[in-house]
C-alpha atoms as a PDB file:
ATOM      1  CA  MET A   1      60.277  -2.332 -17.871  1.00  0.00           C
ATOM      2  CA  SER A   2      57.135  -3.576 -19.121  1.00  0.00           C
ATOM      3  CA  ILE A   3      56.474  -3.142 -22.976  1.00  0.00           C
ATOM      4  CA  ILE A   4      52.989  -2.563 -21.930  1.00  0.00           C
ATOM      5  CA  ASP A   5      52.810   0.866 -20.360  1.00  0.00           C
ATOM      6  CA  LYS A   6      49.265   2.429 -19.074  1.00  0.00           C
ATOM      7  CA  ARG A   7      50.247   5.633 -20.624  1.00  0.00           C
ATOM      8  CA  HIS A   8      50.335   3.774 -23.986  1.00  0.00           C
ATOM      9  CA  VAL A   9      46.594   2.789 -24.013  1.00  0.00           C
ATOM     10  CA  LYS A  10      43.890   4.670 -25.440  1.00  0.00           C
ATOM     11  CA  VAL A  11      40.135   3.688 -25.811  1.00  0.00           C
ATOM     12  CA  GLY A  12      38.059   5.990 -28.093  1.00  0.00           C
ATOM     13  CA  LEU A  13      40.771   7.768 -29.719  1.00  0.00           C
ATOM     14  CA  LYS A  14      39.264  10.452 -32.239  1.00  0.00           C
ATOM     15  CA  ALA A  15      41.309  10.485 -35.420  1.00  0.00           C
ATOM     16  CA  ASP A  16      39.798  11.388 -39.119  1.00  0.00           C
ATOM     17  CA  SER A  17      42.833  10.042 -41.024  1.00  0.00           C
ATOM     18  CA  ARG A  18      45.527   7.455 -40.892  1.00  0.00           C
ATOM     19  CA  GLU A  19      48.063  10.257 -40.160  1.00  0.00           C
ATOM     20  CA  GLU A  20      46.224  11.903 -37.525  1.00  0.00           C
ATOM     21  CA  ALA A  21      45.898   8.753 -35.845  1.00  0.00           C
ATOM     22  CA  LEU A  22      49.737   7.750 -36.127  1.00  0.00           C
ATOM     23  CA  ARG A  23      50.212  11.315 -34.804  1.00  0.00           C
ATOM     24  CA  LEU A  24      48.310  10.955 -31.794  1.00  0.00           C
ATOM     25  CA  ALA A  25      49.133   7.483 -30.941  1.00  0.00           C
ATOM     26  CA  GLY A  26      52.924   8.309 -31.601  1.00  0.00           C
ATOM     27  CA  GLN A  27      52.718  11.389 -29.190  1.00  0.00           C
ATOM     28  CA  MET A  28      51.629   9.038 -26.403  1.00  0.00           C
ATOM     29  CA  PHE A  29      55.427   7.498 -26.723  1.00  0.00           C
ATOM     30  CA  LEU A  30      57.023  10.702 -27.258  1.00  0.00           C
ATOM     31  CA  ASP A  31      55.259  12.227 -23.985  1.00  0.00           C
ATOM     32  CA  THR A  32      56.786   9.148 -22.145  1.00  0.00           C
ATOM     33  CA  GLY A  33      60.345   9.389 -23.357  1.00  0.00           C
ATOM     34  CA  CYS A  34      59.885   6.217 -24.848  1.00  0.00           C
ATOM     35  CA  VAL A  35      60.936   7.513 -28.383  1.00  0.00           C
ATOM     36  CA  LYS A  36      62.863  10.376 -29.791  1.00  0.00           C
ATOM     37  CA  GLU A  37      61.750  13.531 -31.711  1.00  0.00           C
ATOM     38  CA  SER A  38      62.175  11.689 -35.007  1.00  0.00           C
ATOM     39  CA  PHE A  39      59.767   9.005 -34.163  1.00  0.00           C
ATOM     40  CA  ILE A  40      56.579  10.298 -35.308  1.00  0.00           C
ATOM     41  CA  ASP A  41      57.796  11.794 -38.779  1.00  0.00           C
ATOM     42  CA  ALA A  42      59.744   8.148 -39.349  1.00  0.00           C
ATOM     43  CA  ILE A  43      56.436   6.363 -38.244  1.00  0.00           C
ATOM     44  CA  LEU A  44      54.502   8.354 -41.060  1.00  0.00           C
ATOM     45  CA  GLU A  45      57.351   7.974 -43.848  1.00  0.00           C
ATOM     46  CA  ARG A  46      57.686   4.411 -43.419  1.00  0.00           C
ATOM     47  CA  GLU A  47      53.757   3.687 -43.342  1.00  0.00           C
ATOM     48  CA  GLU A  48      53.779   5.340 -46.789  1.00  0.00           C
ATOM     49  CA  LEU A  49      56.335   2.943 -48.118  1.00  0.00           C
ATOM     50  CA  TYR A  50      55.580  -0.119 -46.092  1.00  0.00           C
ATOM     51  CA  PRO A  51      51.899   0.122 -45.101  1.00  0.00           C
ATOM     52  CA  THR A  52      51.046  -2.160 -41.945  1.00  0.00           C
ATOM     53  CA  GLY A  53      47.412  -2.442 -42.352  1.00  0.00           C
ATOM     54  CA  LEU A  54      45.720  -6.048 -41.928  1.00  0.00           C
ATOM     55  CA  ASN A  55      42.311  -7.326 -42.505  1.00  0.00           C
ATOM     56  CA  LEU A  56      42.222 -10.074 -40.138  1.00  0.00           C
ATOM     57  CA  LYS A  57      39.319 -12.863 -40.081  1.00  0.00           C
ATOM     58  CA  TYR A  58      37.799 -11.221 -37.372  1.00  0.00           C
ATOM     59  CA  ASN A  59      39.169  -7.538 -37.025  1.00  0.00           C
ATOM     60  CA  ALA A  60      41.364  -4.936 -39.014  1.00  0.00           C
ATOM     61  CA  ILE A  61      44.091  -3.358 -37.443  1.00  0.00           C
ATOM     62  CA  ALA A  62      47.458  -1.731 -38.134  1.00  0.00           C
ATOM     63  CA  MET A  63      50.720  -2.282 -36.797  1.00  0.00           C
ATOM     64  CA  PRO A  64      52.744   0.722 -37.434  1.00  0.00           C
ATOM     65  CA  HIS A  65      56.496   0.760 -36.672  1.00  0.00           C
ATOM     66  CA  THR A  66      59.814   2.144 -37.738  1.00  0.00           C
ATOM     67  CA  THR A  67      63.585   1.689 -37.145  1.00  0.00           C
ATOM     68  CA  PRO A  68      65.221   1.412 -33.915  1.00  0.00           C
ATOM     69  CA  GLN A  69      67.150   4.544 -34.319  1.00  0.00           C
ATOM     70  CA  HIS A  70      64.161   6.460 -33.337  1.00  0.00           C
ATOM     71  CA  VAL A  71      63.498   4.552 -30.114  1.00  0.00           C
ATOM     72  CA  ASN A  72      64.317   5.083 -26.617  1.00  0.00           C
ATOM     73  CA  ARG A  73      63.066   1.915 -24.977  1.00  0.00           C
ATOM     74  CA  PRO A  74      60.655  -0.801 -26.300  1.00  0.00           C
ATOM     75  CA  GLY A  75      57.228  -0.385 -26.254  1.00  0.00           C
ATOM     76  CA  ILE A  76      53.559  -1.359 -27.649  1.00  0.00           C
ATOM     77  CA  ALA A  77      50.797   1.357 -27.580  1.00  0.00           C
ATOM     78  CA  LEU A  78      47.330  -0.108 -27.712  1.00  0.00           C
ATOM     79  CA  VAL A  79      44.998   2.051 -29.232  1.00  0.00           C
ATOM     80  CA  LYS A  80      41.073   1.656 -30.059  1.00  0.00           C
ATOM     81  CA  LEU A  81      39.948   4.397 -32.550  1.00  0.00           C
ATOM     82  CA  GLU A  82      36.439   6.071 -32.178  1.00  0.00           C
ATOM     83  CA  LYS A  83      35.795   5.176 -35.702  1.00  0.00           C
ATOM     84  CA  PRO A  84      37.991   2.941 -38.391  1.00  0.00           C
ATOM     85  CA  VAL A  85      40.798   5.036 -40.439  1.00  0.00           C
ATOM     86  CA  VAL A  86      42.010   3.776 -43.637  1.00  0.00           C
ATOM     87  CA  PHE A  87      45.410   2.130 -43.961  1.00  0.00           C
ATOM     88  CA  MET A  88      46.733   0.363 -46.888  1.00  0.00           C
ATOM     89  CA  HIS A  89      47.344  -3.277 -46.479  1.00  0.00           C
ATOM     90  CA  MET A  90      50.481  -4.603 -45.737  1.00  0.00           C
ATOM     91  CA  GLY A  91      52.419  -5.932 -48.419  1.00  0.00           C
ATOM     92  CA  SER A  92      51.176  -3.380 -50.725  1.00  0.00           C
ATOM     93  CA  THR A  93      48.603  -5.032 -52.484  1.00  0.00           C
ATOM     94  CA  GLY A  94      46.616  -1.728 -52.753  1.00  0.00           C
ATOM     95  CA  GLU A  95      43.803  -3.030 -50.461  1.00  0.00           C
ATOM     96  CA  LYS A  96      42.367  -0.507 -48.080  1.00  0.00           C
ATOM     97  CA  VAL A  97      41.850  -1.543 -44.443  1.00  0.00           C
ATOM     98  CA  GLU A  98      39.611  -0.100 -42.158  1.00  0.00           C
ATOM     99  CA  ALA A  99      41.450  -0.197 -39.181  1.00  0.00           C
ATOM    100  CA  GLU A 100      39.809  -0.288 -35.905  1.00  0.00           C
ATOM    101  CA  MET A 101      42.822  -0.891 -33.637  1.00  0.00           C
ATOM    102  CA  LEU A 102      46.486   0.345 -33.695  1.00  0.00           C
ATOM    103  CA  PHE A 103      49.447  -1.783 -32.231  1.00  0.00           C
ATOM    104  CA  MET A 104      52.107   1.027 -32.700  1.00  0.00           C
ATOM    105  CA  MET A 105      55.469  -0.641 -31.758  1.00  0.00           C
ATOM    106  CA  ALA A 106      58.415   1.005 -30.581  1.00  0.00           C
ATOM    107  CA  ILE A 107      61.419  -1.552 -31.397  1.00  0.00           C
ATOM    108  CA  THR A 108      64.796  -1.440 -30.294  1.00  0.00           C
ATOM    109  CA  ASP A 109      65.536  -4.886 -31.837  1.00  0.00           C
ATOM    110  CA  PRO A 110      64.537  -6.279 -35.177  1.00  0.00           C
ATOM    111  CA  GLU A 111      64.059  -9.909 -33.612  1.00  0.00           C
ATOM    112  CA  GLU A 112      61.974  -8.353 -30.945  1.00  0.00           C
ATOM    113  CA  GLN A 113      59.981  -7.095 -33.846  1.00  0.00           C
ATOM    114  CA  ILE A 114      59.616 -10.251 -35.498  1.00  0.00           C
ATOM    115  CA  HIS A 115      58.280 -11.849 -32.036  1.00  0.00           C
ATOM    116  CA  ASN A 116      55.905  -9.023 -31.418  1.00  0.00           C
ATOM    117  CA  LEU A 117      54.278  -9.139 -34.918  1.00  0.00           C
ATOM    118  CA  LYS A 118      53.941 -12.761 -34.603  1.00  0.00           C
ATOM    119  CA  LYS A 119      52.550 -12.516 -30.878  1.00  0.00           C
ATOM    120  CA  ILE A 120      49.935  -9.988 -32.436  1.00  0.00           C
ATOM    121  CA  MET A 121      49.088 -12.388 -35.642  1.00  0.00           C
ATOM    122  CA  THR A 122      48.547 -15.439 -33.422  1.00  0.00           C
ATOM    123  CA  LEU A 123      46.542 -13.260 -31.064  1.00  0.00           C
ATOM    124  CA  PHE A 124      43.950 -12.140 -33.976  1.00  0.00           C
ATOM    125  CA  MET A 125      43.586 -15.289 -35.103  1.00  0.00           C
ATOM    126  CA  ASP A 126      41.620 -16.245 -31.964  1.00  0.00           C
ATOM    127  CA  GLU A 127      37.801 -15.186 -32.516  1.00  0.00           C
ATOM    128  CA  GLU A 128      37.390 -15.010 -28.588  1.00  0.00           C
ATOM    129  CA  LEU A 129      40.454 -13.054 -27.874  1.00  0.00           C
ATOM    130  CA  VAL A 130      39.572 -10.596 -30.926  1.00  0.00           C
ATOM    131  CA  GLY A 131      36.651  -9.902 -29.379  1.00  0.00           C
ATOM    132  CA  ARG A 132      37.653  -9.272 -26.122  1.00  0.00           C
ATOM    133  CA  PHE A 133      40.131  -6.674 -27.524  1.00  0.00           C
ATOM    134  CA  ARG A 134      37.546  -5.312 -29.704  1.00  0.00           C
ATOM    135  CA  ASP A 135      34.805  -4.880 -26.879  1.00  0.00           C
ATOM    136  CA  ALA A 136      37.396  -3.359 -24.269  1.00  0.00           C
ATOM    137  CA  ALA A 137      35.363  -0.581 -22.988  1.00  0.00           C
ATOM    138  CA  SER A 138      38.112   1.128 -21.063  1.00  0.00           C
ATOM    139  CA  GLU A 139      41.783   2.076 -20.765  1.00  0.00           C
ATOM    140  CA  GLU A 140      41.935  -0.398 -17.909  1.00  0.00           C
ATOM    141  CA  GLU A 141      40.575  -3.260 -19.549  1.00  0.00           C
ATOM    142  CA  LEU A 142      42.532  -2.969 -22.599  1.00  0.00           C
ATOM    143  CA  TYR A 143      45.812  -2.627 -20.659  1.00  0.00           C
ATOM    144  CA  SER A 144      44.852  -5.648 -18.801  1.00  0.00           C
ATOM    145  CA  LEU A 145      44.143  -7.666 -22.002  1.00  0.00           C
ATOM    146  CA  GLY A 146      47.828  -6.272 -23.486  1.00  0.00           C
ATOM    147  CA  LYS A 147      49.785  -7.457 -20.073  1.00  0.00           C
ATOM    148  CA  LYS A 148      48.282 -11.051 -20.396  1.00  0.00           C
ATOM    149  CA  TYR A 149      48.538 -11.444 -23.844  1.00  0.00           C
ATOM    150  CA  LEU A 150      51.334  -9.228 -25.336  1.00  0.00           C
ATOM    151  CA  GLU A 151      54.000  -9.297 -22.455  1.00  0.00           C
END
């Protein structure tokens, strides 16, 4: 089964806060049985302790994830927010990140998590690719980019 599922891709997600964005993105995983009922609360708790926001050279993103016990099968949700929401910077620097996109990961294997984080980080060092993700105007376009560059 593919790690990128069309049902986990959203462009223009309306959220007024980090918590709302995480709940709505997590619900996409829950709706497809990708994660357990405990996933959304676990994502919220982990984000408080270990922030996942990143101010990258060309974009600001967040890569929320939690431990495998809350996950039924692996997946990555690709979410473009209608407007940025504030996350705290990864590494607990106290720096705020106005995240425009979420790459929420449902991870069943910690090695896979490291591999996916590296893949996303490498992708977002490429200005042209960042522009393509940022400018994706539809779920179909964002899904196609995810399939091409994240699988």
